[in-house]
Amino acid sequence: MIRLASLGSGSRGNGTLVDIGNELLLIDCGFTVKQTEARLSRLDLKAADITAVLVTHEHSDHMSGVAALAHKYALPVYASYGTLNSPAAARTSLVGRVIDAHASVQIGAVTVQPVVVPHDAREPIQFVFQHGSERVGVLSDLGHVTPHVIEHYQQLDLLLMESNHDREMLQRGRYPYSVKQRILGDHGHLSNEQAAQFLSQIIHPALKVVVGHVSEENNHPDLLQQTFAGYHNQVDHLEFATQSEGASWLVSDAAAASRPELAVLS
């Protein structure tokens, strides 16, 4: 059995849990220690249950709480060289183990595959986790989907993916022009349409999906429902994570049941 949950997802803080191969991995932490403890408690967990924290990039909604949580609970932290050597990491006194963005790393029996993504950070990466034939993907904070991303996110059991904004809503909104251009650019965030197009390229009937990193300012649940309406009957499960509540455990106990066998990542 493998599990995926969100502690909260959006521009005010992100944290994703992957429970795989007897390892409980936290991907990003944009919350205070107190907030993180409370959000973990909702899932019947304690911070001491976490095996390691993996950081995708240095933006505050993903990294601001990592150093304090890791220090309090003696948790190992993994991130790219660029992330660990960013000014933001220095400000929060973040110390961690460098991940080669182009090579897999083992955490216990779990193979962690970093995936380089186009985003306006120093060395941003996302992650695919594999244990035997079980595969979980976490993908957010990218301005466009590259062939490299499509290649690595095939044949997943569970996926948390970004669908950040509605383009028209963003363009009509109150953000400054420069911020709008950043979000809409090739190193910004995925729109609903881009996210749906990505899903169409990796979809299979056994896939379970959480859609996250949804902008509270530039998106709306009705727009998300419209965008993904046609996908509900093409995947096993699809739901939307929120900033305040995240998403409860999504469980796959029949890995690879409806997809071809896949070799362990190397």
C-alpha atoms as a PDB file:
ATOM      1  CA  MET A   1       0.000   0.000   0.000  1.00  0.00           C
ATOM      2  CA  ILE A   2       1.174   3.511  -0.839  1.00  0.00           C
ATOM      3  CA  ARG A   3      -0.401   6.788   0.278  1.00  0.00           C
ATOM      4  CA  LEU A   4      -0.329  10.451  -0.688  1.00  0.00           C
ATOM      5  CA  ALA A   5      -1.750  13.419   1.238  1.00  0.00           C
ATOM      6  CA  SER A   6      -1.497  17.206   1.204  1.00  0.00           C
ATOM      7  CA  LEU A   7      -1.008  19.257   4.366  1.00  0.00           C
ATOM      8  CA  GLY A   8      -2.057  22.318   2.383  1.00  0.00           C
ATOM      9  CA  SER A   9      -1.442  23.508  -1.152  1.00  0.00           C
ATOM     10  CA  GLY A  10      -1.267  27.026  -2.522  1.00  0.00           C
ATOM     11  CA  SER A  11       0.662  30.273  -2.471  1.00  0.00           C
ATOM     12  CA  ARG A  12       0.474  30.568   1.350  1.00  0.00           C
ATOM     13  CA  GLY A  13       2.165  27.249   2.064  1.00  0.00           C
ATOM     14  CA  ASN A  14       2.720  23.771   0.679  1.00  0.00           C
ATOM     15  CA  GLY A  15       3.472  20.364   2.127  1.00  0.00           C
ATOM     16  CA  THR A  16       2.913  16.916   0.616  1.00  0.00           C
ATOM     17  CA  LEU A  17       3.250  13.544   2.330  1.00  0.00           C
ATOM     18  CA  VAL A  18       4.244  10.368   0.507  1.00  0.00           C
ATOM     19  CA  ASP A  19       4.024   7.115   2.468  1.00  0.00           C
ATOM     20  CA  ILE A  20       5.861   4.477   0.449  1.00  0.00           C
ATOM     21  CA  GLY A  21       8.181   1.551   1.151  1.00  0.00           C
ATOM     22  CA  ASN A  22       7.987   2.030   4.941  1.00  0.00           C
ATOM     23  CA  GLU A  23       9.213   5.611   4.543  1.00  0.00           C
ATOM     24  CA  LEU A  24       7.125   8.693   5.321  1.00  0.00           C
ATOM     25  CA  LEU A  25       8.482  11.527   3.210  1.00  0.00           C
ATOM     26  CA  LEU A  26       7.502  15.181   3.458  1.00  0.00           C
ATOM     27  CA  ILE A  27       7.915  17.161   0.250  1.00  0.00           C
ATOM     28  CA  ASP A  28       8.288  20.858   1.076  1.00  0.00           C
ATOM     29  CA  CYS A  29       7.105  22.673   4.185  1.00  0.00           C
ATOM     30  CA  GLY A  30       5.828  26.214   3.869  1.00  0.00           C
ATOM     31  CA  PHE A  31       4.226  26.278   7.315  1.00  0.00           C
ATOM     32  CA  THR A  32       5.444  27.099  10.805  1.00  0.00           C
ATOM     33  CA  VAL A  33       6.311  24.186  13.077  1.00  0.00           C
ATOM     34  CA  LYS A  34       3.087  24.710  15.021  1.00  0.00           C
ATOM     35  CA  GLN A  35       0.994  24.764  11.852  1.00  0.00           C
ATOM     36  CA  THR A  36       2.772  21.689  10.488  1.00  0.00           C
ATOM     37  CA  GLU A  37       2.208  19.760  13.702  1.00  0.00           C
ATOM     38  CA  ALA A  38      -1.482  20.651  13.635  1.00  0.00           C
ATOM     39  CA  ARG A  39      -1.871  19.657   9.993  1.00  0.00           C
ATOM     40  CA  LEU A  40      -0.071  16.368  10.601  1.00  0.00           C
ATOM     41  CA  SER A  41      -2.349  15.699  13.560  1.00  0.00           C
ATOM     42  CA  ARG A  42      -5.367  15.885  11.247  1.00  0.00           C
ATOM     43  CA  LEU A  43      -3.871  12.878   9.465  1.00  0.00           C
ATOM     44  CA  ASP A  44      -3.138  11.064  12.753  1.00  0.00           C
ATOM     45  CA  LEU A  45       0.590  11.679  12.407  1.00  0.00           C
ATOM     46  CA  LYS A  46       3.375  13.325  14.390  1.00  0.00           C
ATOM     47  CA  ALA A  47       6.380  15.132  12.945  1.00  0.00           C
ATOM     48  CA  ALA A  48       8.609  12.480  14.519  1.00  0.00           C
ATOM     49  CA  ASP A  49       7.012   9.936  12.151  1.00  0.00           C
ATOM     50  CA  ILE A  50       8.640  11.628   9.151  1.00  0.00           C
ATOM     51  CA  THR A  51      11.680   9.910   7.649  1.00  0.00           C
ATOM     52  CA  ALA A  52      13.015  12.878   5.669  1.00  0.00           C
ATOM     53  CA  VAL A  53      12.079  16.216   4.123  1.00  0.00           C
ATOM     54  CA  LEU A  54      12.667  16.834   0.424  1.00  0.00           C
ATOM     55  CA  VAL A  55      12.639  20.400  -0.888  1.00  0.00           C
ATOM     56  CA  THR A  56      11.658  21.259  -4.449  1.00  0.00           C
ATOM     57  CA  HIS A  57      12.976  24.849  -4.452  1.00  0.00           C
ATOM     58  CA  GLU A  58      13.658  27.829  -2.235  1.00  0.00           C
ATOM     59  CA  HIS A  59      10.459  29.875  -2.574  1.00  0.00           C
ATOM     60  CA  SER A  60       8.977  30.619   0.832  1.00  0.00           C
ATOM     61  CA  ASP A  61       5.678  28.812   0.287  1.00  0.00           C
ATOM     62  CA  HIS A  62       7.699  25.621  -0.110  1.00  0.00           C
ATOM     63  CA  MET A  63      10.728  26.075   2.142  1.00  0.00           C
ATOM     64  CA  SER A  64      10.050  28.614   4.893  1.00  0.00           C
ATOM     65  CA  GLY A  65       9.266  25.991   7.544  1.00  0.00           C
ATOM     66  CA  VAL A  66      11.774  23.310   6.611  1.00  0.00           C
ATOM     67  CA  ALA A  67      14.783  24.381   8.704  1.00  0.00           C
ATOM     68  CA  ALA A  68      12.829  24.832  11.934  1.00  0.00           C
ATOM     69  CA  LEU A  69      10.966  21.536  11.553  1.00  0.00           C
ATOM     70  CA  ALA A  70      14.134  19.642  10.660  1.00  0.00           C
ATOM     71  CA  HIS A  71      16.028  21.144  13.601  1.00  0.00           C
ATOM     72  CA  LYS A  72      13.305  20.396  16.136  1.00  0.00           C
ATOM     73  CA  TYR A  73      12.853  16.775  15.059  1.00  0.00           C
ATOM     74  CA  ALA A  74      16.361  15.975  13.737  1.00  0.00           C
ATOM     75  CA  LEU A  75      15.041  15.248  10.244  1.00  0.00           C
ATOM     76  CA  PRO A  76      17.375  14.858   7.272  1.00  0.00           C
ATOM     77  CA  VAL A  77      16.744  17.323   4.449  1.00  0.00           C
ATOM     78  CA  TYR A  78      17.376  16.694   0.749  1.00  0.00           C
ATOM     79  CA  ALA A  79      17.474  19.403  -1.925  1.00  0.00           C
ATOM     80  CA  SER A  80      19.378  20.453  -5.025  1.00  0.00           C
ATOM     81  CA  TYR A  81      22.699  22.274  -4.793  1.00  0.00           C
ATOM     82  CA  GLY A  82      21.092  25.478  -6.056  1.00  0.00           C
ATOM     83  CA  THR A  83      18.333  25.343  -3.455  1.00  0.00           C
ATOM     84  CA  LEU A  84      20.678  24.657  -0.540  1.00  0.00           C
ATOM     85  CA  ASN A  85      22.980  27.470  -1.623  1.00  0.00           C
ATOM     86  CA  SER A  86      20.263  30.048  -2.225  1.00  0.00           C
ATOM     87  CA  PRO A  87      19.982  33.260  -0.178  1.00  0.00           C
ATOM     88  CA  ALA A  88      16.655  31.974   1.153  1.00  0.00           C
ATOM     89  CA  ALA A  89      18.361  28.866   2.526  1.00  0.00           C
ATOM     90  CA  ALA A  90      21.001  31.014   4.186  1.00  0.00           C
ATOM     91  CA  ARG A  91      18.349  33.244   5.801  1.00  0.00           C
ATOM     92  CA  THR A  92      16.587  30.248   7.354  1.00  0.00           C
ATOM     93  CA  SER A  93      19.847  28.440   8.253  1.00  0.00           C
ATOM     94  CA  LEU A  94      18.798  25.463   6.155  1.00  0.00           C
ATOM     95  CA  VAL A  95      21.315  22.627   6.047  1.00  0.00           C
ATOM     96  CA  GLY A  96      20.775  19.523   3.960  1.00  0.00           C
ATOM     97  CA  ARG A  97      22.109  16.813   1.715  1.00  0.00           C
ATOM     98  CA  VAL A  98      22.651  17.708  -1.920  1.00  0.00           C
ATOM     99  CA  ILE A  99      20.622  15.830  -4.508  1.00  0.00           C
ATOM    100  CA  ASP A 100      22.048  15.563  -7.990  1.00  0.00           C
ATOM    101  CA  ALA A 101      19.159  16.887 -10.074  1.00  0.00           C
ATOM    102  CA  HIS A 102      19.945  14.350 -12.797  1.00  0.00           C
ATOM    103  CA  ALA A 103      20.422  11.179 -10.747  1.00  0.00           C
ATOM    104  CA  SER A 104      18.236   9.073  -8.479  1.00  0.00           C
ATOM    105  CA  VAL A 105      18.911   8.695  -4.764  1.00  0.00           C
ATOM    106  CA  GLN A 106      17.884   5.990  -2.287  1.00  0.00           C
ATOM    107  CA  ILE A 107      16.027   6.718   0.934  1.00  0.00           C
ATOM    108  CA  GLY A 108      15.680   3.337   2.561  1.00  0.00           C
ATOM    109  CA  ALA A 109      14.114   1.046  -0.022  1.00  0.00           C
ATOM    110  CA  VAL A 110      12.602   3.985  -1.945  1.00  0.00           C
ATOM    111  CA  THR A 111      14.151   5.276  -5.147  1.00  0.00           C
ATOM    112  CA  VAL A 112      13.760   9.041  -5.422  1.00  0.00           C
ATOM    113  CA  GLN A 113      14.023  10.439  -8.939  1.00  0.00           C
ATOM    114  CA  PRO A 114      14.481  14.214  -9.117  1.00  0.00           C
ATOM    115  CA  VAL A 115      12.929  15.821 -12.193  1.00  0.00           C
ATOM    116  CA  VAL A 116      14.249  19.181 -13.393  1.00  0.00           C
ATOM    117  CA  VAL A 117      11.444  21.631 -14.139  1.00  0.00           C
ATOM    118  CA  PRO A 118      11.293  25.149 -15.660  1.00  0.00           C
ATOM    119  CA  HIS A 119      10.577  27.542 -12.796  1.00  0.00           C
ATOM    120  CA  ASP A 120      12.063  30.847 -11.650  1.00  0.00           C
ATOM    121  CA  ALA A 121      14.214  29.418  -8.867  1.00  0.00           C
ATOM    122  CA  ARG A 122      17.923  28.573  -8.637  1.00  0.00           C
ATOM    123  CA  GLU A 123      17.721  24.822  -9.313  1.00  0.00           C
ATOM    124  CA  PRO A 124      14.094  23.664  -9.033  1.00  0.00           C
ATOM    125  CA  ILE A 125      13.258  19.973  -9.046  1.00  0.00           C
ATOM    126  CA  GLN A 126      10.157  17.862  -8.539  1.00  0.00           C
ATOM    127  CA  PHE A 127      10.036  14.192  -7.559  1.00  0.00           C
ATOM    128  CA  VAL A 128       8.920  10.715  -8.563  1.00  0.00           C
ATOM    129  CA  PHE A 129       9.137   8.022  -5.867  1.00  0.00           C
ATOM    130  CA  GLN A 130       9.335   4.304  -6.605  1.00  0.00           C
ATOM    131  CA  HIS A 131       9.261   1.184  -4.463  1.00  0.00           C
ATOM    132  CA  GLY A 132       9.118  -2.000  -6.482  1.00  0.00           C
ATOM    133  CA  SER A 133       6.410  -1.376  -9.059  1.00  0.00           C
ATOM    134  CA  GLU A 134       4.723   1.344  -6.960  1.00  0.00           C
ATOM    135  CA  ARG A 135       5.162   4.894  -8.255  1.00  0.00           C
ATOM    136  CA  VAL A 136       4.119   8.254  -6.806  1.00  0.00           C
ATOM    137  CA  GLY A 137       4.662  11.634  -8.450  1.00  0.00           C
ATOM    138  CA  VAL A 138       4.631  15.183  -7.082  1.00  0.00           C
ATOM    139  CA  LEU A 139       4.643  17.969  -9.664  1.00  0.00           C
ATOM    140  CA  SER A 140       4.105  21.698  -9.116  1.00  0.00           C
ATOM    141  CA  ASP A 141       5.737  25.054  -9.758  1.00  0.00           C
ATOM    142  CA  LEU A 142       6.615  24.841 -13.430  1.00  0.00           C
ATOM    143  CA  GLY A 143       5.831  27.231 -16.229  1.00  0.00           C
ATOM    144  CA  HIS A 144       5.397  24.633 -18.928  1.00  0.00           C
ATOM    145  CA  VAL A 145       5.516  20.874 -19.332  1.00  0.00           C
ATOM    146  CA  THR A 146       8.660  19.608 -21.025  1.00  0.00           C
ATOM    147  CA  PRO A 147       9.265  16.245 -22.737  1.00  0.00           C
ATOM    148  CA  HIS A 148      11.579  15.457 -19.800  1.00  0.00           C
ATOM    149  CA  VAL A 149       8.652  15.856 -17.403  1.00  0.00           C
ATOM    150  CA  ILE A 150       6.309  13.766 -19.545  1.00  0.00           C
ATOM    151  CA  GLU A 151       8.911  10.999 -19.720  1.00  0.00           C
ATOM    152  CA  HIS A 152       9.339  10.732 -15.951  1.00  0.00           C
ATOM    153  CA  TYR A 153       5.679  10.961 -14.937  1.00  0.00           C
ATOM    154  CA  GLN A 154       4.436   7.978 -16.914  1.00  0.00           C
ATOM    155  CA  GLN A 155       2.772   4.962 -15.248  1.00  0.00           C
ATOM    156  CA  LEU A 156       2.158   6.454 -11.825  1.00  0.00           C
ATOM    157  CA  ASP A 157      -0.183   5.065  -9.197  1.00  0.00           C
ATOM    158  CA  LEU A 158      -0.652   8.361  -7.325  1.00  0.00           C
ATOM    159  CA  LEU A 159      -0.029  11.946  -8.413  1.00  0.00           C
ATOM    160  CA  LEU A 160      -0.232  15.415  -6.913  1.00  0.00           C
ATOM    161  CA  MET A 161      -0.102  17.960  -9.740  1.00  0.00           C
ATOM    162  CA  GLU A 162      -0.353  21.720 -10.073  1.00  0.00           C
ATOM    163  CA  SER A 163      -3.232  23.549 -11.697  1.00  0.00           C
ATOM    164  CA  ASN A 164      -2.467  27.053 -10.539  1.00  0.00           C
ATOM    165  CA  HIS A 165      -4.564  29.580 -12.399  1.00  0.00           C
ATOM    166  CA  ASP A 166      -7.208  30.379 -14.962  1.00  0.00           C
ATOM    167  CA  ARG A 167      -5.518  32.545 -17.578  1.00  0.00           C
ATOM    168  CA  GLU A 168      -8.432  34.939 -18.099  1.00  0.00           C
ATOM    169  CA  MET A 169      -9.044  35.311 -14.373  1.00  0.00           C
ATOM    170  CA  LEU A 170      -5.358  36.073 -13.814  1.00  0.00           C
ATOM    171  CA  GLN A 171      -5.215  38.596 -16.658  1.00  0.00           C
ATOM    172  CA  ARG A 172      -8.314  40.413 -15.360  1.00  0.00           C
ATOM    173  CA  GLY A 173      -7.146  40.314 -11.742  1.00  0.00           C
ATOM    174  CA  ARG A 174      -5.447  42.836  -9.473  1.00  0.00           C
ATOM    175  CA  TYR A 175      -1.882  41.518  -9.648  1.00  0.00           C
ATOM    176  CA  PRO A 176       0.721  43.904 -11.095  1.00  0.00           C
ATOM    177  CA  TYR A 177       1.527  43.356 -14.753  1.00  0.00           C
ATOM    178  CA  SER A 178       5.027  42.074 -13.931  1.00  0.00           C
ATOM    179  CA  VAL A 179       3.643  39.413 -11.592  1.00  0.00           C
ATOM    180  CA  LYS A 180       1.063  38.334 -14.162  1.00  0.00           C
ATOM    181  CA  GLN A 181       3.804  37.963 -16.764  1.00  0.00           C
ATOM    182  CA  ARG A 182       5.904  35.924 -14.341  1.00  0.00           C
ATOM    183  CA  ILE A 183       3.061  33.509 -13.577  1.00  0.00           C
ATOM    184  CA  LEU A 184       2.072  33.185 -17.237  1.00  0.00           C
ATOM    185  CA  GLY A 185       5.650  32.783 -18.453  1.00  0.00           C
ATOM    186  CA  ASP A 186       7.565  29.640 -19.309  1.00  0.00           C
ATOM    187  CA  HIS A 187       9.134  29.655 -15.823  1.00  0.00           C
ATOM    188  CA  GLY A 188       5.985  30.446 -13.867  1.00  0.00           C
ATOM    189  CA  HIS A 189       3.040  28.177 -13.066  1.00  0.00           C
ATOM    190  CA  LEU A 190       0.729  25.855 -14.986  1.00  0.00           C
ATOM    191  CA  SER A 191      -2.672  27.147 -16.005  1.00  0.00           C
ATOM    192  CA  ASN A 192      -5.731  24.920 -15.779  1.00  0.00           C
ATOM    193  CA  GLU A 193      -5.490  24.236 -19.501  1.00  0.00           C
ATOM    194  CA  GLN A 194      -1.800  23.329 -19.326  1.00  0.00           C
ATOM    195  CA  ALA A 195      -2.428  21.042 -16.356  1.00  0.00           C
ATOM    196  CA  ALA A 196      -5.258  19.245 -18.153  1.00  0.00           C
ATOM    197  CA  GLN A 197      -3.080  18.789 -21.225  1.00  0.00           C
ATOM    198  CA  PHE A 198      -0.331  17.290 -19.051  1.00  0.00           C
ATOM    199  CA  LEU A 199      -2.779  14.888 -17.431  1.00  0.00           C
ATOM    200  CA  SER A 200      -4.023  13.779 -20.837  1.00  0.00           C
ATOM    201  CA  GLN A 201      -0.479  12.643 -21.697  1.00  0.00           C
ATOM    202  CA  ILE A 202       0.029  10.435 -18.635  1.00  0.00           C
ATOM    203  CA  ILE A 203      -3.498   9.253 -17.918  1.00  0.00           C
ATOM    204  CA  HIS A 204      -4.468   5.613 -17.310  1.00  0.00           C
ATOM    205  CA  PRO A 205      -7.504   4.007 -15.615  1.00  0.00           C
ATOM    206  CA  ALA A 206      -5.768   3.108 -12.314  1.00  0.00           C
ATOM    207  CA  LEU A 207      -4.291   6.575 -11.711  1.00  0.00           C
ATOM    208  CA  LYS A 208      -5.410   8.523  -8.624  1.00  0.00           C
ATOM    209  CA  VAL A 209      -4.884  12.285  -8.784  1.00  0.00           C
ATOM    210  CA  VAL A 210      -4.851  15.236  -6.400  1.00  0.00           C
ATOM    211  CA  VAL A 211      -4.890  18.617  -8.148  1.00  0.00           C
ATOM    212  CA  GLY A 212      -3.138  21.246  -6.042  1.00  0.00           C
ATOM    213  CA  HIS A 213      -1.263  24.550  -5.848  1.00  0.00           C
ATOM    214  CA  VAL A 214      -4.544  26.195  -6.849  1.00  0.00           C
ATOM    215  CA  SER A 215      -4.441  29.991  -6.634  1.00  0.00           C
ATOM    216  CA  GLU A 216      -7.064  31.421  -4.291  1.00  0.00           C
ATOM    217  CA  GLU A 217      -6.788  34.724  -6.160  1.00  0.00           C
ATOM    218  CA  ASN A 218      -6.710  33.565  -9.775  1.00  0.00           C
ATOM    219  CA  ASN A 219      -8.671  30.324  -9.871  1.00  0.00           C
ATOM    220  CA  HIS A 220     -12.034  28.991  -8.743  1.00  0.00           C
ATOM    221  CA  PRO A 221     -13.449  25.533  -7.902  1.00  0.00           C
ATOM    222  CA  ASP A 222     -16.070  25.868 -10.650  1.00  0.00           C
ATOM    223  CA  LEU A 223     -13.366  26.539 -13.239  1.00  0.00           C
ATOM    224  CA  LEU A 224     -11.372  23.539 -12.029  1.00  0.00           C
ATOM    225  CA  GLN A 225     -14.442  21.330 -12.249  1.00  0.00           C
ATOM    226  CA  GLN A 226     -15.088  22.519 -15.798  1.00  0.00           C
ATOM    227  CA  THR A 227     -11.493  21.948 -16.851  1.00  0.00           C
ATOM    228  CA  PHE A 228     -11.204  18.437 -15.422  1.00  0.00           C
ATOM    229  CA  ALA A 229     -14.817  17.299 -15.884  1.00  0.00           C
ATOM    230  CA  GLY A 230     -13.919  14.893 -18.671  1.00  0.00           C
ATOM    231  CA  TYR A 231     -11.152  13.210 -16.683  1.00  0.00           C
ATOM    232  CA  HIS A 232     -13.146  11.840 -13.769  1.00  0.00           C
ATOM    233  CA  ASN A 233     -14.180   8.749 -15.743  1.00  0.00           C
ATOM    234  CA  GLN A 234     -10.696   8.259 -17.230  1.00  0.00           C
ATOM    235  CA  VAL A 235      -8.862   7.892 -13.919  1.00  0.00           C
ATOM    236  CA  ASP A 236      -9.602   5.926 -10.769  1.00  0.00           C
ATOM    237  CA  HIS A 237      -9.977   9.065  -8.644  1.00  0.00           C
ATOM    238  CA  LEU A 238      -9.522  12.840  -8.991  1.00  0.00           C
ATOM    239  CA  GLU A 239      -9.875  15.473  -6.256  1.00  0.00           C
ATOM    240  CA  PHE A 240      -8.726  18.999  -5.452  1.00  0.00           C
ATOM    241  CA  ALA A 241      -6.468  20.049  -2.571  1.00  0.00           C
ATOM    242  CA  THR A 242      -7.087  23.343  -0.777  1.00  0.00           C
ATOM    243  CA  GLN A 243      -4.848  25.801   1.007  1.00  0.00           C
ATOM    244  CA  SER A 244      -6.573  25.442   4.355  1.00  0.00           C
ATOM    245  CA  GLU A 245      -7.397  21.727   4.421  1.00  0.00           C
ATOM    246  CA  GLY A 246      -5.005  20.145   1.920  1.00  0.00           C
ATOM    247  CA  ALA A 247      -6.235  16.695   0.931  1.00  0.00           C
ATOM    248  CA  SER A 248      -6.684  13.554   3.022  1.00  0.00           C
ATOM    249  CA  TRP A 249      -4.953  10.276   2.308  1.00  0.00           C
ATOM    250  CA  LEU A 250      -5.218   9.000  -1.228  1.00  0.00           C
ATOM    251  CA  VAL A 251      -4.443   5.279  -1.121  1.00  0.00           C
ATOM    252  CA  SER A 252      -3.358   2.836  -3.796  1.00  0.00           C
ATOM    253  CA  ASP A 253      -3.277  -0.795  -2.683  1.00  0.00           C
ATOM    254  CA  ALA A 254      -3.248  -2.312  -6.159  1.00  0.00           C
ATOM    255  CA  ALA A 255      -0.130  -0.850  -7.710  1.00  0.00           C
ATOM    256  CA  ALA A 256       0.349  -1.646 -11.390  1.00  0.00           C
ATOM    257  CA  ALA A 257      -2.945  -3.543 -11.506  1.00  0.00           C
ATOM    258  CA  SER A 258      -4.071  -1.751 -14.654  1.00  0.00           C
ATOM    259  CA  ARG A 259      -0.770  -0.789 -16.231  1.00  0.00           C
ATOM    260  CA  PRO A 260       2.302  -2.528 -17.613  1.00  0.00           C
ATOM    261  CA  GLU A 261       5.153  -3.547 -15.324  1.00  0.00           C
ATOM    262  CA  LEU A 262       7.859  -0.945 -15.099  1.00  0.00           C
ATOM    263  CA  ALA A 263      11.512  -1.451 -14.262  1.00  0.00           C
ATOM    264  CA  VAL A 264      12.924   0.188 -11.158  1.00  0.00           C
ATOM    265  CA  LEU A 265      14.284   3.675 -11.845  1.00  0.00           C
ATOM    266  CA  SER A 266      17.989   4.010 -12.304  1.00  0.00           C
END
